Amino acid sequence: MSTSYRLFKWVSYAEGISFLVLLLIAMPLKYMVDIPEPVTVIGMIHGVLFAAYVAGIAWMTILHRWRWVWALGALAAAFLPFGPFVFEAFLKRKWAS
């Protein structure tokens, strides 16, 4: 397993977790309990991690010559809850073979 793959894996996990925290904790706090501060903080953290994830997609596409379908799949996964985890499982299977 290459260093680039390991780094991408950790960035994708962090991005996926931040998205879930934003959706499942921060947003309900904002709209149900009227506490908007967590959305501001978690939203900023998620934004930085999302940018890192997109940069990681570009890096992996160039470095490992991913097919464009993989790059688009990775990008689409970022917009789905649990998407980065599912894409990571796909990558793990492909990387092992």
N, C-alpha and C. Protein backbone atom coordinates (compact mmCIF):
# COMPACT_ATOMS: atom_id res chain seq x y z
N MET A 1 0.86 -1.18 0.00
CA MET A 1 0.00 0.00 0.00
C MET A 1 0.90 1.24 0.00
N SER A 2 0.69 2.11 -0.93
CA SER A 2 1.56 3.28 -1.07
C SER A 2 1.21 4.36 -0.05
N THR A 3 2.16 5.24 0.17
CA THR A 3 1.96 6.36 1.09
C THR A 3 0.85 7.29 0.59
N SER A 4 0.79 7.50 -0.71
CA SER A 4 -0.25 8.38 -1.27
C SER A 4 -1.64 7.81 -1.02
N TYR A 5 -1.76 6.49 -1.16
CA TYR A 5 -3.06 5.86 -0.90
C TYR A 5 -3.45 5.98 0.57
N ARG A 6 -2.49 5.75 1.47
CA ARG A 6 -2.77 5.87 2.90
C ARG A 6 -3.19 7.29 3.27
N LEU A 7 -2.51 8.28 2.73
CA LEU A 7 -2.86 9.67 3.00
C LEU A 7 -4.26 9.99 2.47
N PHE A 8 -4.55 9.54 1.25
CA PHE A 8 -5.87 9.77 0.69
C PHE A 8 -6.95 9.08 1.53
N LYS A 9 -6.65 7.88 2.01
CA LYS A 9 -7.61 7.14 2.84
C LYS A 9 -7.95 7.94 4.10
N TRP A 10 -6.94 8.48 4.77
CA TRP A 10 -7.19 9.23 6.01
C TRP A 10 -7.91 10.54 5.75
N VAL A 11 -7.59 11.20 4.65
CA VAL A 11 -8.31 12.43 4.30
C VAL A 11 -9.76 12.10 3.98
N SER A 12 -9.99 11.00 3.28
CA SER A 12 -11.37 10.63 2.93
C SER A 12 -12.17 10.25 4.17
N TYR A 13 -11.54 9.55 5.12
CA TYR A 13 -12.22 9.23 6.38
C TYR A 13 -12.56 10.50 7.15
N ALA A 14 -11.60 11.40 7.25
CA ALA A 14 -11.83 12.66 7.98
C ALA A 14 -12.94 13.47 7.33
N GLU A 15 -12.95 13.53 6.01
CA GLU A 15 -14.00 14.27 5.29
C GLU A 15 -15.36 13.62 5.52
N GLY A 16 -15.41 12.30 5.45
CA GLY A 16 -16.67 11.60 5.66
C GLY A 16 -17.21 11.78 7.08
N ILE A 17 -16.32 11.72 8.06
CA ILE A 17 -16.73 11.92 9.45
C ILE A 17 -17.22 13.34 9.67
N SER A 18 -16.50 14.32 9.12
CA SER A 18 -16.91 15.71 9.30
C SER A 18 -18.27 15.97 8.66
N PHE A 19 -18.54 15.34 7.52
CA PHE A 19 -19.83 15.49 6.86
C PHE A 19 -20.95 14.90 7.72
N LEU A 20 -20.70 13.72 8.29
CA LEU A 20 -21.70 13.10 9.15
C LEU A 20 -21.94 13.91 10.42
N VAL A 21 -20.89 14.44 11.01
CA VAL A 21 -21.05 15.28 12.20
C VAL A 21 -21.85 16.53 11.86
N LEU A 22 -21.56 17.11 10.70
CA LEU A 22 -22.31 18.29 10.26
C LEU A 22 -23.79 17.96 10.07
N LEU A 23 -24.07 16.86 9.38
CA LEU A 23 -25.46 16.50 9.09
C LEU A 23 -26.23 15.99 10.31
N LEU A 24 -25.58 15.18 11.14
CA LEU A 24 -26.30 14.48 12.21
C LEU A 24 -26.24 15.16 13.57
N ILE A 25 -25.29 16.07 13.76
CA ILE A 25 -25.18 16.74 15.05
C ILE A 25 -25.36 18.26 14.91
N ALA A 26 -24.52 18.88 14.09
CA ALA A 26 -24.53 20.35 14.01
C ALA A 26 -25.83 20.90 13.42
N MET A 27 -26.29 20.32 12.32
CA MET A 27 -27.52 20.83 11.69
C MET A 27 -28.75 20.65 12.58
N PRO A 28 -28.94 19.49 13.21
CA PRO A 28 -30.08 19.39 14.14
C PRO A 28 -29.98 20.37 15.31
N LEU A 29 -28.77 20.61 15.81
CA LEU A 29 -28.63 21.60 16.88
C LEU A 29 -29.06 22.99 16.40
N LYS A 30 -28.71 23.31 15.17
CA LYS A 30 -29.06 24.63 14.63
C LYS A 30 -30.56 24.76 14.44
N TYR A 31 -31.17 23.78 13.82
CA TYR A 31 -32.57 23.92 13.44
C TYR A 31 -33.58 23.43 14.47
N MET A 32 -33.17 22.57 15.38
CA MET A 32 -34.11 22.06 16.37
C MET A 32 -33.97 22.75 17.73
N VAL A 33 -32.74 23.13 18.06
CA VAL A 33 -32.49 23.70 19.39
C VAL A 33 -32.05 25.17 19.29
N ASP A 34 -31.91 25.67 18.07
CA ASP A 34 -31.52 27.06 17.82
C ASP A 34 -30.13 27.39 18.40
N ILE A 35 -29.19 26.49 18.16
CA ILE A 35 -27.79 26.71 18.53
C ILE A 35 -26.98 26.65 17.23
N PRO A 36 -26.72 27.80 16.57
CA PRO A 36 -26.07 27.78 15.26
C PRO A 36 -24.54 27.66 15.29
N GLU A 37 -23.91 27.85 16.43
CA GLU A 37 -22.45 27.87 16.49
C GLU A 37 -21.77 26.60 15.99
N PRO A 38 -22.30 25.40 16.34
CA PRO A 38 -21.63 24.19 15.84
C PRO A 38 -21.58 24.11 14.31
N VAL A 39 -22.59 24.63 13.64
CA VAL A 39 -22.59 24.61 12.17
C VAL A 39 -21.45 25.47 11.65
N THR A 40 -21.21 26.60 12.30
CA THR A 40 -20.13 27.49 11.87
C THR A 40 -18.78 26.79 12.01
N VAL A 41 -18.55 26.20 13.14
CA VAL A 41 -17.25 25.56 13.40
C VAL A 41 -17.08 24.29 12.58
N ILE A 42 -18.03 23.38 12.68
CA ILE A 42 -17.93 22.10 11.96
C ILE A 42 -18.00 22.35 10.45
N GLY A 43 -18.80 23.31 10.04
CA GLY A 43 -18.90 23.64 8.62
C GLY A 43 -17.58 24.10 8.04
N MET A 44 -16.84 24.90 8.80
CA MET A 44 -15.53 25.36 8.34
C MET A 44 -14.54 24.21 8.27
N ILE A 45 -14.54 23.38 9.30
CA ILE A 45 -13.66 22.21 9.32
C ILE A 45 -13.98 21.29 8.14
N HIS A 46 -15.27 21.06 7.92
CA HIS A 46 -15.68 20.21 6.79
C HIS A 46 -15.27 20.83 5.46
N GLY A 47 -15.40 22.14 5.34
CA GLY A 47 -14.99 22.80 4.09
C GLY A 47 -13.52 22.60 3.78
N VAL A 48 -12.68 22.73 4.80
CA VAL A 48 -11.24 22.52 4.61
C VAL A 48 -10.96 21.06 4.24
N LEU A 49 -11.62 20.14 4.93
CA LEU A 49 -11.41 18.72 4.63
C LEU A 49 -11.96 18.35 3.25
N PHE A 50 -13.07 18.98 2.84
CA PHE A 50 -13.61 18.73 1.50
C PHE A 50 -12.62 19.20 0.44
N ALA A 51 -12.03 20.37 0.64
CA ALA A 51 -11.03 20.88 -0.31
C ALA A 51 -9.82 19.94 -0.36
N ALA A 52 -9.40 19.43 0.80
CA ALA A 52 -8.28 18.48 0.84
C ALA A 52 -8.65 17.19 0.12
N TYR A 53 -9.89 16.75 0.27
CA TYR A 53 -10.36 15.53 -0.39
C TYR A 53 -10.36 15.71 -1.92
N VAL A 54 -10.85 16.84 -2.37
CA VAL A 54 -10.87 17.11 -3.82
C VAL A 54 -9.43 17.19 -4.35
N ALA A 55 -8.55 17.84 -3.60
CA ALA A 55 -7.13 17.89 -4.01
C ALA A 55 -6.54 16.48 -4.03
N GLY A 56 -6.94 15.65 -3.05
CA GLY A 56 -6.48 14.27 -3.02
C GLY A 56 -6.96 13.47 -4.22
N ILE A 57 -8.18 13.73 -4.64
CA ILE A 57 -8.70 13.06 -5.84
C ILE A 57 -7.85 13.44 -7.05
N ALA A 58 -7.57 14.73 -7.18
CA ALA A 58 -6.74 15.19 -8.30
C ALA A 58 -5.35 14.57 -8.23
N TRP A 59 -4.78 14.54 -7.04
CA TRP A 59 -3.45 13.98 -6.84
C TRP A 59 -3.42 12.49 -7.20
N MET A 60 -4.38 11.74 -6.70
CA MET A 60 -4.42 10.31 -6.99
C MET A 60 -4.69 10.05 -8.48
N THR A 61 -5.52 10.89 -9.09
CA THR A 61 -5.81 10.73 -10.51
C THR A 61 -4.55 10.92 -11.35
N ILE A 62 -3.77 11.93 -11.00
CA ILE A 62 -2.53 12.20 -11.76
C ILE A 62 -1.46 11.17 -11.42
N LEU A 63 -1.23 10.96 -10.13
CA LEU A 63 -0.13 10.10 -9.68
C LEU A 63 -0.34 8.63 -10.06
N HIS A 64 -1.54 8.13 -9.89
CA HIS A 64 -1.81 6.71 -10.13
C HIS A 64 -2.63 6.46 -11.39
N ARG A 65 -2.81 7.49 -12.16
CA ARG A 65 -3.53 7.39 -13.45
C ARG A 65 -4.89 6.72 -13.31
N TRP A 66 -5.67 7.24 -12.33
CA TRP A 66 -7.03 6.75 -12.16
C TRP A 66 -7.82 7.00 -13.43
N ARG A 67 -8.73 6.11 -13.70
CA ARG A 67 -9.67 6.36 -14.79
C ARG A 67 -10.58 7.53 -14.38
N TRP A 68 -11.07 8.26 -15.35
CA TRP A 68 -11.92 9.42 -15.03
C TRP A 68 -13.18 9.00 -14.29
N VAL A 69 -13.64 7.77 -14.51
CA VAL A 69 -14.83 7.27 -13.82
C VAL A 69 -14.55 7.16 -12.32
N TRP A 70 -13.35 6.75 -11.95
CA TRP A 70 -12.99 6.65 -10.53
C TRP A 70 -12.97 8.04 -9.91
N ALA A 71 -12.39 9.00 -10.62
CA ALA A 71 -12.31 10.37 -10.09
C ALA A 71 -13.72 10.94 -9.91
N LEU A 72 -14.59 10.73 -10.88
CA LEU A 72 -15.97 11.21 -10.75
C LEU A 72 -16.71 10.47 -9.64
N GLY A 73 -16.45 9.19 -9.49
CA GLY A 73 -17.07 8.42 -8.41
C GLY A 73 -16.62 8.92 -7.05
N ALA A 74 -15.34 9.22 -6.92
CA ALA A 74 -14.82 9.76 -5.66
C ALA A 74 -15.44 11.11 -5.35
N LEU A 75 -15.59 11.94 -6.36
CA LEU A 75 -16.20 13.26 -6.17
C LEU A 75 -17.67 13.12 -5.80
N ALA A 76 -18.39 12.24 -6.47
CA ALA A 76 -19.80 12.03 -6.15
C ALA A 76 -19.96 11.48 -4.74
N ALA A 77 -19.02 10.65 -4.31
CA ALA A 77 -19.09 10.07 -2.96
C ALA A 77 -19.02 11.15 -1.88
N ALA A 78 -18.34 12.24 -2.17
CA ALA A 78 -18.20 13.32 -1.18
C ALA A 78 -19.54 13.99 -0.88
N PHE A 79 -20.49 13.86 -1.76
CA PHE A 79 -21.79 14.51 -1.57
C PHE A 79 -22.85 13.58 -0.96
N LEU A 80 -22.46 12.35 -0.68
CA LEU A 80 -23.40 11.38 -0.11
C LEU A 80 -22.97 11.01 1.31
N PRO A 81 -23.92 10.95 2.25
CA PRO A 81 -23.54 10.46 3.57
C PRO A 81 -22.99 9.03 3.45
N PHE A 82 -21.91 8.76 4.10
CA PHE A 82 -21.19 7.49 4.06
C PHE A 82 -20.54 7.22 2.71
N GLY A 83 -20.65 8.14 1.76
CA GLY A 83 -20.07 7.96 0.43
C GLY A 83 -18.56 7.75 0.44
N PRO A 84 -17.80 8.57 1.16
CA PRO A 84 -16.34 8.36 1.17
C PRO A 84 -15.95 6.99 1.73
N PHE A 85 -16.72 6.47 2.68
CA PHE A 85 -16.42 5.16 3.26
C PHE A 85 -16.68 4.05 2.24
N VAL A 86 -17.76 4.18 1.48
CA VAL A 86 -18.09 3.19 0.45
C VAL A 86 -17.04 3.23 -0.66
N PHE A 87 -16.66 4.45 -1.08
CA PHE A 87 -15.63 4.58 -2.12
C PHE A 87 -14.30 4.02 -1.64
N GLU A 88 -13.98 4.26 -0.38
CA GLU A 88 -12.73 3.74 0.19
C GLU A 88 -12.72 2.22 0.19
N ALA A 89 -13.85 1.60 0.50
CA ALA A 89 -13.94 0.13 0.46
C ALA A 89 -13.73 -0.37 -0.97
N PHE A 90 -14.30 0.34 -1.95
CA PHE A 90 -14.09 0.00 -3.35
C PHE A 90 -12.61 0.10 -3.71
N LEU A 91 -11.97 1.18 -3.29
CA LEU A 91 -10.55 1.37 -3.57
C LEU A 91 -9.70 0.28 -2.93
N LYS A 92 -10.05 -0.08 -1.72
CA LYS A 92 -9.29 -1.10 -1.00
C LYS A 92 -9.32 -2.42 -1.77
N ARG A 93 -10.50 -2.77 -2.28
CA ARG A 93 -10.61 -4.01 -3.07
C ARG A 93 -9.79 -3.91 -4.36
N LYS A 94 -9.89 -2.78 -5.03
CA LYS A 94 -9.17 -2.59 -6.29
C LYS A 94 -7.67 -2.55 -6.06
N TRP A 95 -7.24 -1.88 -4.97
CA TRP A 95 -5.82 -1.73 -4.69
C TRP A 95 -5.20 -3.08 -4.35
N ALA A 96 -5.96 -3.94 -3.69
CA ALA A 96 -5.45 -5.25 -3.29
C ALA A 96 -5.25 -6.17 -4.49
N SER A 97 -6.05 -5.96 -5.54
CA SER A 97 -5.95 -6.85 -6.70
C SER A 97 -4.97 -6.37 -7.72
